[in-house]
Every structure is written in C-alpha cells, then in structure tokens.
C-alpha cells in the first residue's frame, strides 16, 4: 500500500527540512522550502514514490543550488 500523495509530499519534505535544519543549511526558509518542494514535485511527476529517495534527492538539489549561488 502506498501513501496518499499529500502525505508522501509532507513526509518527504519534513525529512529533508529536518536534515537541513539540523545541519545549519537553511539561511532563507522560504527559498529552501521552494527548492525542496519543487524537487519533490518533479520527482513524483517522473514516477518516484519512495519517501527517502524523494527527500535525499531534494537535499541534493538544495545543496547543488547553494553551491551555484
């Protein structure tokens, strides 16, 4: 059984947010939320439905964005 889509998004976002918050990586909460959510949404549209994969890739996308900035 898979999680309902809103729960999947919420759980994935929360895992990524908690990790970045604990590591001190969030300077701009609004920007961080937008990057994480966009990454998660893009992955879901491509068919990914594993919570940890969604959150790990969202963290990677956020870190890549931070390096580029």
Protein backbone atom coordinates (compact mmCIF):
# COMPACT_ATOMS: atom_id res chain seq x y z
CA UNK A 1 0.00 0.00 0.00
CA UNK A 2 1.33 3.44 -0.92
CA UNK A 3 0.87 6.65 0.98
CA UNK A 4 -1.64 9.22 -0.28
CA UNK A 5 0.13 11.89 -2.34
CA UNK A 6 -0.22 14.74 0.20
CA UNK A 7 1.24 12.51 2.93
CA UNK A 8 4.10 11.42 0.68
CA UNK A 9 4.96 15.03 -0.11
CA UNK A 10 4.66 16.14 3.50
CA UNK A 11 6.80 13.31 4.87
CA UNK A 12 9.49 13.73 2.22
CA UNK A 13 9.63 17.48 2.74
CA UNK A 14 9.77 17.10 6.53
CA UNK A 15 12.67 14.64 6.38
CA UNK A 16 14.65 16.91 4.06
CA UNK A 17 13.82 20.01 6.11
CA UNK A 18 14.81 18.39 9.41
CA UNK A 19 18.14 17.25 7.98
CA UNK A 20 18.99 20.66 6.56
CA UNK A 21 17.80 22.46 9.69
CA UNK A 22 19.94 20.29 11.97
CA UNK A 23 22.97 20.77 9.72
CA UNK A 24 22.51 24.55 9.74
CA UNK A 25 21.99 24.70 5.99
CA UNK A 26 18.85 26.83 5.93
CA UNK A 27 19.63 30.53 5.68
CA UNK A 28 16.45 31.51 3.83
CA UNK A 29 13.49 29.31 4.90
CA UNK A 30 11.23 30.44 2.04
CA UNK A 31 13.83 29.69 -0.60
CA UNK A 32 14.68 26.35 1.00
CA UNK A 33 11.03 25.31 1.07
CA UNK A 34 10.55 26.26 -2.57
CA UNK A 35 13.63 24.33 -3.74
CA UNK A 36 12.77 21.23 -1.72
CA UNK A 37 9.13 21.21 -2.76
CA UNK A 38 9.94 21.75 -6.44
CA UNK A 39 12.42 18.89 -6.38
CA UNK A 40 9.94 16.57 -4.70
CA UNK A 41 7.14 17.51 -7.10
CA UNK A 42 9.38 16.97 -10.14
CA UNK A 43 10.44 13.55 -8.90
CA UNK A 44 6.85 12.49 -8.21
CA UNK A 45 5.85 13.54 -11.72
CA UNK A 46 8.64 11.27 -13.02
CA UNK A 47 7.21 8.35 -11.02
CA UNK A 48 9.28 8.28 -7.84
CA UNK A 49 7.26 7.34 -4.77
CA UNK A 50 9.86 6.33 -2.18
CA UNK A 51 9.90 8.82 0.68
CA UNK A 52 13.60 8.61 1.47
CA UNK A 53 14.61 8.82 -2.18
CA UNK A 54 12.45 11.91 -2.60
CA UNK A 55 13.93 13.58 0.48
CA UNK A 56 17.54 12.62 -0.33
CA UNK A 57 17.30 13.94 -3.87
CA UNK A 58 15.61 17.12 -2.62
CA UNK A 59 18.51 17.65 -0.19
CA UNK A 60 20.97 17.12 -3.06
CA UNK A 61 19.06 19.63 -5.22
CA UNK A 62 19.12 22.17 -2.40
CA UNK A 63 22.85 21.69 -1.82
CA UNK A 64 23.54 21.98 -5.56
CA UNK A 65 21.54 25.22 -5.66
CA UNK A 66 23.51 26.58 -2.71
CA UNK A 67 26.84 25.79 -4.43
CA UNK A 68 25.69 27.51 -7.62
CA UNK A 69 24.59 30.64 -5.79
